[in-house]
Amino acid sequence: MRVNVDRDRCCSSGMCVLNVPEVFDQDDQDSLVRLRQTSYRPDQFADLRLAAQLCPGGAITVSEDGPASDGDGAAGAGGEEAVGRAGA
């Protein structure tokens, strides 16, 4: 599983943090979504899918499989941030 967040679409509602606090966080300066983990356990998959569905800005996308995206945890081009995949 791969999780991507698009900080340009984030509206800082915090729904992701409320639902999966071990994976999502909000930046202290701008309150935009940040990922806390680079890999995900199978017991987190349903919660990650729910966080993506509940995100009012559509800033979270979850892919069931695929290669992990390069990234160092900082926002990339277009404000996207990608971190790891399950079992990585």
PDB file of N, CA and C in Angstrom:
ATOM      1  N   MET A   1       0.850  -1.176   0.000  1.00  0.00           N
ATOM      2  CA  MET A   1       0.000   0.000   0.000  1.00  0.00           C
ATOM      3  C   MET A   1       0.889   1.229   0.000  1.00  0.00           C
ATOM      4  N   ARG A   2       0.506   2.215  -0.783  1.00  0.00           N
ATOM      5  CA  ARG A   2       1.228   3.479  -0.864  1.00  0.00           C
ATOM      6  C   ARG A   2       0.271   4.610  -0.512  1.00  0.00           C
ATOM      7  N   VAL A   3       0.751   5.558   0.262  1.00  0.00           N
ATOM      8  CA  VAL A   3      -0.054   6.713   0.672  1.00  0.00           C
ATOM      9  C   VAL A   3       0.640   7.967   0.166  1.00  0.00           C
ATOM     10  N   ASN A   4      -0.124   8.832  -0.507  1.00  0.00           N
ATOM     11  CA  ASN A   4       0.378  10.121  -0.971  1.00  0.00           C
ATOM     12  C   ASN A   4      -0.481  11.220  -0.365  1.00  0.00           C
ATOM     13  N   VAL A   5       0.158  12.312  -0.012  1.00  0.00           N
ATOM     14  CA  VAL A   5      -0.585  13.491   0.435  1.00  0.00           C
ATOM     15  C   VAL A   5      -0.198  14.674  -0.430  1.00  0.00           C
ATOM     16  N   ASP A   6      -1.181  15.468  -0.766  1.00  0.00           N
ATOM     17  CA  ASP A   6      -0.984  16.656  -1.589  1.00  0.00           C
ATOM     18  C   ASP A   6      -1.266  17.872  -0.701  1.00  0.00           C
ATOM     19  N   ARG A   7      -0.202  18.509  -0.250  1.00  0.00           N
ATOM     20  CA  ARG A   7      -0.341  19.640   0.676  1.00  0.00           C
ATOM     21  C   ARG A   7      -1.041  20.825   0.016  1.00  0.00           C
ATOM     22  N   ASP A   8      -1.012  20.919  -1.297  1.00  0.00           N
ATOM     23  CA  ASP A   8      -1.719  22.003  -1.983  1.00  0.00           C
ATOM     24  C   ASP A   8      -3.236  21.843  -1.874  1.00  0.00           C
ATOM     25  N   ARG A   9      -3.703  20.617  -1.689  1.00  0.00           N
ATOM     26  CA  ARG A   9      -5.141  20.355  -1.571  1.00  0.00           C
ATOM     27  C   ARG A   9      -5.617  20.297  -0.128  1.00  0.00           C
ATOM     28  N   CYS A  10      -4.690  20.191   0.802  1.00  0.00           N
ATOM     29  CA  CYS A  10      -5.031  20.069   2.222  1.00  0.00           C
ATOM     30  C   CYS A  10      -5.712  21.344   2.714  1.00  0.00           C
ATOM     31  N   CYS A  11      -6.834  21.162   3.436  1.00  0.00           N
ATOM     32  CA  CYS A  11      -7.554  22.312   3.992  1.00  0.00           C
ATOM     33  C   CYS A  11      -7.435  22.354   5.521  1.00  0.00           C
ATOM     34  N   SER A  12      -6.540  21.558   6.075  1.00  0.00           N
ATOM     35  CA  SER A  12      -6.208  21.573   7.506  1.00  0.00           C
ATOM     36  C   SER A  12      -7.361  21.189   8.422  1.00  0.00           C
ATOM     37  N   SER A  13      -8.249  20.333   7.971  1.00  0.00           N
ATOM     38  CA  SER A  13      -9.374  19.931   8.820  1.00  0.00           C
ATOM     39  C   SER A  13      -8.947  19.020   9.962  1.00  0.00           C
ATOM     40  N   GLY A  14      -7.861  18.268   9.763  1.00  0.00           N
ATOM     41  CA  GLY A  14      -7.379  17.371  10.804  1.00  0.00           C
ATOM     42  C   GLY A  14      -8.092  16.036  10.872  1.00  0.00           C
ATOM     43  N   MET A  15      -8.972  15.749   9.939  1.00  0.00           N
ATOM     44  CA  MET A  15      -9.691  14.464   9.955  1.00  0.00           C
ATOM     45  C   MET A  15      -8.720  13.285   9.879  1.00  0.00           C
ATOM     46  N   CYS A  16      -7.668  13.429   9.106  1.00  0.00           N
ATOM     47  CA  CYS A  16      -6.693  12.348   8.972  1.00  0.00           C
ATOM     48  C   CYS A  16      -6.000  12.072  10.308  1.00  0.00           C
ATOM     49  N   VAL A  17      -5.639  13.136  11.005  1.00  0.00           N
ATOM     50  CA  VAL A  17      -4.956  13.003  12.295  1.00  0.00           C
ATOM     51  C   VAL A  17      -5.889  12.372  13.327  1.00  0.00           C
ATOM     52  N   LEU A  18      -7.148  12.739  13.311  1.00  0.00           N
ATOM     53  CA  LEU A  18      -8.114  12.158  14.236  1.00  0.00           C
ATOM     54  C   LEU A  18      -8.319  10.670  13.992  1.00  0.00           C
ATOM     55  N   ASN A  19      -8.266  10.249  12.732  1.00  0.00           N
ATOM     56  CA  ASN A  19      -8.527   8.860  12.382  1.00  0.00           C
ATOM     57  C   ASN A  19      -7.304   7.956  12.436  1.00  0.00           C
ATOM     58  N   VAL A  20      -6.135   8.460  12.063  1.00  0.00           N
ATOM     59  CA  VAL A  20      -4.923   7.636  12.056  1.00  0.00           C
ATOM     60  C   VAL A  20      -3.737   8.479  12.556  1.00  0.00           C
ATOM     61  N   PRO A  21      -3.730   8.811  13.849  1.00  0.00           N
ATOM     62  CA  PRO A  21      -2.683   9.692  14.368  1.00  0.00           C
ATOM     63  C   PRO A  21      -1.276   9.116  14.286  1.00  0.00           C
ATOM     64  N   GLU A  22      -1.144   7.805  14.218  1.00  0.00           N
ATOM     65  CA  GLU A  22       0.191   7.224  14.104  1.00  0.00           C
ATOM     66  C   GLU A  22       0.773   7.406  12.704  1.00  0.00           C
ATOM     67  N   VAL A  23      -0.059   7.722  11.712  1.00  0.00           N
ATOM     68  CA  VAL A  23       0.396   7.906  10.335  1.00  0.00           C
ATOM     69  C   VAL A  23       0.409   9.379   9.932  1.00  0.00           C
ATOM     70  N   PHE A  24      -0.624  10.128  10.320  1.00  0.00           N
ATOM     71  CA  PHE A  24      -0.760  11.516   9.876  1.00  0.00           C
ATOM     72  C   PHE A  24      -0.500  12.500  11.013  1.00  0.00           C
ATOM     73  N   ASP A  25       0.025  13.646  10.644  1.00  0.00           N
ATOM     74  CA  ASP A  25       0.253  14.739  11.580  1.00  0.00           C
ATOM     75  C   ASP A  25      -0.018  16.038  10.829  1.00  0.00           C
ATOM     76  N   GLN A  26      -0.107  17.129  11.560  1.00  0.00           N
ATOM     77  CA  GLN A  26      -0.258  18.442  10.949  1.00  0.00           C
ATOM     78  C   GLN A  26       0.959  19.278  11.285  1.00  0.00           C
ATOM     79  N   ASP A  27       1.466  19.971  10.285  1.00  0.00           N
ATOM     80  CA  ASP A  27       2.629  20.834  10.440  1.00  0.00           C
ATOM     81  C   ASP A  27       2.329  21.920  11.470  1.00  0.00           C
ATOM     82  N   ASP A  28       3.265  22.185  12.349  1.00  0.00           N
ATOM     83  CA  ASP A  28       3.072  23.194  13.399  1.00  0.00           C
ATOM     84  C   ASP A  28       2.937  24.614  12.854  1.00  0.00           C
ATOM     85  N   GLN A  29       3.534  24.883  11.707  1.00  0.00           N
ATOM     86  CA  GLN A  29       3.503  26.236  11.170  1.00  0.00           C
ATOM     87  C   GLN A  29       2.282  26.521  10.303  1.00  0.00           C
ATOM     88  N   ASP A  30       1.936  25.596   9.413  1.00  0.00           N
ATOM     89  CA  ASP A  30       0.827  25.870   8.491  1.00  0.00           C
ATOM     90  C   ASP A  30      -0.363  24.928   8.661  1.00  0.00           C
ATOM     91  N   SER A  31      -0.277  23.992   9.584  1.00  0.00           N
ATOM     92  CA  SER A  31      -1.337  23.018   9.897  1.00  0.00           C
ATOM     93  C   SER A  31      -1.672  22.078   8.745  1.00  0.00           C
ATOM     94  N   LEU A  32      -0.810  21.997   7.735  1.00  0.00           N
ATOM     95  CA  LEU A  32      -1.057  21.095   6.615  1.00  0.00           C
ATOM     96  C   LEU A  32      -0.582  19.688   6.961  1.00  0.00           C
ATOM     97  N   VAL A  33      -1.183  18.715   6.303  1.00  0.00           N
ATOM     98  CA  VAL A  33      -0.917  17.301   6.567  1.00  0.00           C
ATOM     99  C   VAL A  33       0.548  16.944   6.324  1.00  0.00           C
ATOM    100  N   ARG A  34       1.048  16.076   7.184  1.00  0.00           N
ATOM    101  CA  ARG A  34       2.374  15.473   7.076  1.00  0.00           C
ATOM    102  C   ARG A  34       2.239  13.991   7.390  1.00  0.00           C
ATOM    103  N   LEU A  35       3.058  13.188   6.757  1.00  0.00           N
ATOM    104  CA  LEU A  35       3.091  11.764   7.045  1.00  0.00           C
ATOM    105  C   LEU A  35       4.151  11.474   8.094  1.00  0.00           C
ATOM    106  N   ARG A  36       3.797  10.609   9.041  1.00  0.00           N
ATOM    107  CA  ARG A  36       4.715  10.256  10.132  1.00  0.00           C
ATOM    108  C   ARG A  36       5.402   8.924   9.896  1.00  0.00           C
ATOM    109  N   GLN A  37       4.890   8.104   8.994  1.00  0.00           N
ATOM    110  CA  GLN A  37       5.424   6.766   8.759  1.00  0.00           C
ATOM    111  C   GLN A  37       5.820   6.594   7.299  1.00  0.00           C
ATOM    112  N   THR A  38       6.735   5.653   7.062  1.00  0.00           N
ATOM    113  CA  THR A  38       7.153   5.348   5.698  1.00  0.00           C
ATOM    114  C   THR A  38       6.699   3.970   5.248  1.00  0.00           C
ATOM    115  N   SER A  39       6.163   3.189   6.152  1.00  0.00           N
ATOM    116  CA  SER A  39       5.597   1.885   5.796  1.00  0.00           C
ATOM    117  C   SER A  39       4.373   1.653   6.676  1.00  0.00           C
ATOM    118  N   TYR A  40       3.506   0.765   6.207  1.00  0.00           N
ATOM    119  CA  TYR A  40       2.210   0.597   6.856  1.00  0.00           C
ATOM    120  C   TYR A  40       1.934  -0.875   7.116  1.00  0.00           C
ATOM    121  N   ARG A  41       1.370  -1.141   8.279  1.00  0.00           N
ATOM    122  CA  ARG A  41       1.007  -2.501   8.672  1.00  0.00           C
ATOM    123  C   ARG A  41      -0.366  -2.854   8.104  1.00  0.00           C
ATOM    124  N   PRO A  42      -0.597  -4.116   7.839  1.00  0.00           N
ATOM    125  CA  PRO A  42      -1.907  -4.526   7.328  1.00  0.00           C
ATOM    126  C   PRO A  42      -3.074  -4.096   8.216  1.00  0.00           C
ATOM    127  N   ASP A  43      -2.868  -4.027   9.528  1.00  0.00           N
ATOM    128  CA  ASP A  43      -3.962  -3.613  10.407  1.00  0.00           C
ATOM    129  C   ASP A  43      -4.283  -2.121  10.274  1.00  0.00           C
ATOM    130  N   GLN A  44      -3.456  -1.353   9.559  1.00  0.00           N
ATOM    131  CA  GLN A  44      -3.715   0.065   9.327  1.00  0.00           C
ATOM    132  C   GLN A  44      -4.430   0.327   7.998  1.00  0.00           C
ATOM    133  N   PHE A  45      -4.486  -0.652   7.127  1.00  0.00           N
ATOM    134  CA  PHE A  45      -4.986  -0.430   5.769  1.00  0.00           C
ATOM    135  C   PHE A  45      -6.403   0.144   5.743  1.00  0.00           C
ATOM    136  N   ALA A  46      -7.312  -0.416   6.514  1.00  0.00           N
ATOM    137  CA  ALA A  46      -8.701   0.068   6.514  1.00  0.00           C
ATOM    138  C   ALA A  46      -8.767   1.516   7.015  1.00  0.00           C
ATOM    139  N   ASP A  47      -7.990   1.836   8.039  1.00  0.00           N
ATOM    140  CA  ASP A  47      -7.980   3.201   8.564  1.00  0.00           C
ATOM    141  C   ASP A  47      -7.394   4.184   7.558  1.00  0.00           C
ATOM    142  N   LEU A  48      -6.375   3.765   6.818  1.00  0.00           N
ATOM    143  CA  LEU A  48      -5.787   4.631   5.794  1.00  0.00           C
ATOM    144  C   LEU A  48      -6.787   4.909   4.670  1.00  0.00           C
ATOM    145  N   ARG A  49      -7.507   3.878   4.268  1.00  0.00           N
ATOM    146  CA  ARG A  49      -8.545   4.070   3.237  1.00  0.00           C
ATOM    147  C   ARG A  49      -9.627   5.024   3.739  1.00  0.00           C
ATOM    148  N   LEU A  50     -10.035   4.864   4.993  1.00  0.00           N
ATOM    149  CA  LEU A  50     -11.056   5.733   5.575  1.00  0.00           C
ATOM    150  C   LEU A  50     -10.571   7.178   5.633  1.00  0.00           C
ATOM    151  N   ALA A  51      -9.326   7.392   6.034  1.00  0.00           N
ATOM    152  CA  ALA A  51      -8.776   8.746   6.099  1.00  0.00           C
ATOM    153  C   ALA A  51      -8.818   9.405   4.720  1.00  0.00           C
ATOM    154  N   ALA A  52      -8.505   8.650   3.682  1.00  0.00           N
ATOM    155  CA  ALA A  52      -8.557   9.195   2.319  1.00  0.00           C
ATOM    156  C   ALA A  52      -9.991   9.552   1.937  1.00  0.00           C
ATOM    157  N   GLN A  53     -10.947   8.709   2.294  1.00  0.00           N
ATOM    158  CA  GLN A  53     -12.355   8.969   1.967  1.00  0.00           C
ATOM    159  C   GLN A  53     -12.899  10.175   2.721  1.00  0.00           C
ATOM    160  N   LEU A  54     -12.466  10.358   3.960  1.00  0.00           N
ATOM    161  CA  LEU A  54     -12.995  11.432   4.801  1.00  0.00           C
ATOM    162  C   LEU A  54     -12.314  12.784   4.584  1.00  0.00           C
ATOM    163  N   CYS A  55     -11.196  12.798   3.885  1.00  0.00           N
ATOM    164  CA  CYS A  55     -10.460  14.047   3.683  1.00  0.00           C
ATOM    165  C   CYS A  55     -11.289  15.016   2.845  1.00  0.00           C
ATOM    166  N   PRO A  56     -11.724  16.146   3.413  1.00  0.00           N
ATOM    167  CA  PRO A  56     -12.585  17.071   2.672  1.00  0.00           C
ATOM    168  C   PRO A  56     -11.896  17.737   1.490  1.00  0.00           C
ATOM    169  N   GLY A  57     -10.567  17.833   1.528  1.00  0.00           N
ATOM    170  CA  GLY A  57      -9.842  18.451   0.422  1.00  0.00           C
ATOM    171  C   GLY A  57      -9.382  17.454  -0.628  1.00  0.00           C
ATOM    172  N   GLY A  58      -9.590  16.168  -0.368  1.00  0.00           N
ATOM    173  CA  GLY A  58      -9.116  15.147  -1.304  1.00  0.00           C
ATOM    174  C   GLY A  58      -7.598  15.114  -1.380  1.00  0.00           C
ATOM    175  N   ALA A  59      -6.940  15.457  -0.284  1.00  0.00           N
ATOM    176  CA  ALA A  59      -5.481  15.559  -0.278  1.00  0.00           C
ATOM    177  C   ALA A  59      -4.772  14.221  -0.090  1.00  0.00           C
ATOM    178  N   ILE A  60      -5.506  13.187   0.297  1.00  0.00           N
ATOM    179  CA  ILE A  60      -4.896  11.885   0.579  1.00  0.00           C
ATOM    180  C   ILE A  60      -5.328  10.880  -0.475  1.00  0.00           C
ATOM    181  N   THR A  61      -4.359  10.204  -1.057  1.00  0.00           N
ATOM    182  CA  THR A  61      -4.664   9.110  -1.974  1.00  0.00           C
ATOM    183  C   THR A  61      -3.964   7.855  -1.480  1.00  0.00           C
ATOM    184  N   VAL A  62      -4.645   6.745  -1.625  1.00  0.00           N
ATOM    185  CA  VAL A  62      -4.124   5.453  -1.205  1.00  0.00           C
ATOM    186  C   VAL A  62      -4.138   4.538  -2.415  1.00  0.00           C
ATOM    187  N   SER A  63      -2.985   3.942  -2.708  1.00  0.00           N
ATOM    188  CA  SER A  63      -2.858   2.968  -3.784  1.00  0.00           C
ATOM    189  C   SER A  63      -2.636   1.604  -3.154  1.00  0.00           C
ATOM    190  N   GLU A  64      -3.326   0.628  -3.654  1.00  0.00           N
ATOM    191  CA  GLU A  64      -3.227  -0.702  -3.056  1.00  0.00           C
ATOM    192  C   GLU A  64      -1.857  -1.333  -3.241  1.00  0.00           C
ATOM    193  N   ASP A  65      -1.187  -1.027  -4.335  1.00  0.00           N
ATOM    194  CA  ASP A  65       0.174  -1.512  -4.522  1.00  0.00           C
ATOM    195  C   ASP A  65       0.876  -0.626  -5.537  1.00  0.00           C
ATOM    196  N   GLY A  66       2.113  -0.901  -5.767  1.00  0.00           N
ATOM    197  CA  GLY A  66       2.901  -0.088  -6.683  1.00  0.00           C
ATOM    198  C   GLY A  66       4.222   0.251  -6.051  1.00  0.00           C
ATOM    199  N   PRO A  67       5.126   0.745  -6.858  1.00  0.00           N
ATOM    200  CA  PRO A  67       6.452   1.069  -6.325  1.00  0.00           C
ATOM    201  C   PRO A  67       6.389   2.253  -5.371  1.00  0.00           C
ATOM    202  N   ALA A  68       7.226   2.225  -4.392  1.00  0.00           N
ATOM    203  CA  ALA A  68       7.319   3.349  -3.461  1.00  0.00           C
ATOM    204  C   ALA A  68       7.875   4.548  -4.206  1.00  0.00           C
ATOM    205  N   SER A  69       7.349   5.722  -3.911  1.00  0.00           N
ATOM    206  CA  SER A  69       7.839   6.946  -4.538  1.00  0.00           C
ATOM    207  C   SER A  69       9.063   7.448  -3.800  1.00  0.00           C
ATOM    208  N   ASP A  70       9.974   8.047  -4.551  1.00  0.00           N
ATOM    209  CA  ASP A  70      11.121   8.692  -3.928  1.00  0.00           C
ATOM    210  C   ASP A  70      10.622   9.873  -3.129  1.00  0.00           C
ATOM    211  N   GLY A  71      11.239  10.152  -2.041  1.00  0.00           N
ATOM    212  CA  GLY A  71      10.851  11.305  -1.239  1.00  0.00           C
ATOM    213  C   GLY A  71      11.588  11.296   0.070  1.00  0.00           C
ATOM    214  N   ASP A  72      11.802  12.463   0.603  1.00  0.00           N
ATOM    215  CA  ASP A  72      12.504  12.567   1.874  1.00  0.00           C
ATOM    216  C   ASP A  72      11.600  13.102   2.974  1.00  0.00           C
ATOM    217  N   GLY A  73      10.272  13.078   2.723  1.00  0.00           N
ATOM    218  CA  GLY A  73       9.339  13.577   3.709  1.00  0.00           C
ATOM    219  C   GLY A  73       9.013  15.036   3.526  1.00  0.00           C
ATOM    220  N   ALA A  74       9.700  15.702   2.599  1.00  0.00           N
ATOM    221  CA  ALA A  74       9.417  17.108   2.322  1.00  0.00           C
ATOM    222  C   ALA A  74       8.490  17.203   1.133  1.00  0.00           C
ATOM    223  N   ALA A  75       7.751  18.277   1.043  1.00  0.00           N
ATOM    224  CA  ALA A  75       6.837  18.462  -0.077  1.00  0.00           C
ATOM    225  C   ALA A  75       7.628  18.489  -1.372  1.00  0.00           C
ATOM    226  N   GLY A  76       7.113  17.775  -2.356  1.00  0.00           N
ATOM    227  CA  GLY A  76       7.766  17.719  -3.653  1.00  0.00           C
ATOM    228  C   GLY A  76       7.093  18.648  -4.636  1.00  0.00           C
ATOM    229  N   ALA A  77       7.326  18.395  -5.894  1.00  0.00           N
ATOM    230  CA  ALA A  77       6.734  19.212  -6.945  1.00  0.00           C
ATOM    231  C   ALA A  77       5.223  19.184  -6.822  1.00  0.00           C
ATOM    232  N   GLY A  78       4.605  20.311  -6.987  1.00  0.00           N
ATOM    233  CA  GLY A  78       3.159  20.388  -6.897  1.00  0.00           C
ATOM    234  C   GLY A  78       2.639  20.226  -5.483  1.00  0.00           C
ATOM    235  N   GLY A  79       3.527  20.267  -4.504  1.00  0.00           N
ATOM    236  CA  GLY A  79       3.098  20.156  -3.123  1.00  0.00           C
ATOM    237  C   GLY A  79       2.839  18.734  -2.679  1.00  0.00           C
ATOM    238  N   GLU A  80       3.116  17.751  -3.531  1.00  0.00           N
ATOM    239  CA  GLU A  80       2.856  16.371  -3.150  1.00  0.00           C
ATOM    240  C   GLU A  80       3.963  15.828  -2.291  1.00  0.00           C
ATOM    241  N   GLU A  81       3.582  14.966  -1.384  1.00  0.00           N
ATOM    242  CA  GLU A  81       4.518  14.282  -0.517  1.00  0.00           C
ATOM    243  C   GLU A  81       4.144  12.808  -0.579  1.00  0.00           C
ATOM    244  N   ALA A  82       5.068  11.950  -0.853  1.00  0.00           N
ATOM    245  CA  ALA A  82       4.786  10.532  -0.937  1.00  0.00           C
ATOM    246  C   ALA A  82       5.697   9.790   0.025  1.00  0.00           C
ATOM    247  N   VAL A  83       5.145   8.791   0.687  1.00  0.00           N
ATOM    248  CA  VAL A  83       5.955   8.039   1.615  1.00  0.00           C
ATOM    249  C   VAL A  83       5.584   6.583   1.533  1.00  0.00           C
ATOM    250  N   GLY A  84       6.571   5.785   1.172  1.00  0.00           N
ATOM    251  CA  GLY A  84       6.584   4.338   1.294  1.00  0.00           C
ATOM    252  C   GLY A  84       5.368   3.548   0.923  1.00  0.00           C
ATOM    253  N   ARG A  85       5.456   2.268   1.247  1.00  0.00           N
ATOM    254  CA  ARG A  85       4.360   1.343   1.028  1.00  0.00           C
ATOM    255  C   ARG A  85       4.428   0.246   2.070  1.00  0.00           C
ATOM    256  N   ALA A  86       3.380  -0.502   2.134  1.00  0.00           N
ATOM    257  CA  ALA A  86       3.297  -1.569   3.131  1.00  0.00           C
ATOM    258  C   ALA A  86       4.448  -2.559   2.950  1.00  0.00           C
ATOM    259  N   GLY A  87       5.041  -2.932   4.035  1.00  0.00           N
ATOM    260  CA  GLY A  87       6.098  -3.913   4.003  1.00  0.00           C
ATOM    261  C   GLY A  87       7.425  -3.408   3.488  1.00  0.00           C
ATOM    262  N   ALA A  88       7.490  -2.126   3.155  1.00  0.00           N
ATOM    263  CA  ALA A  88       8.737  -1.577   2.585  1.00  0.00           C
ATOM    264  C   ALA A  88       9.771  -1.379   3.663  1.00  0.00           C
TER     265      ALA A  88
END
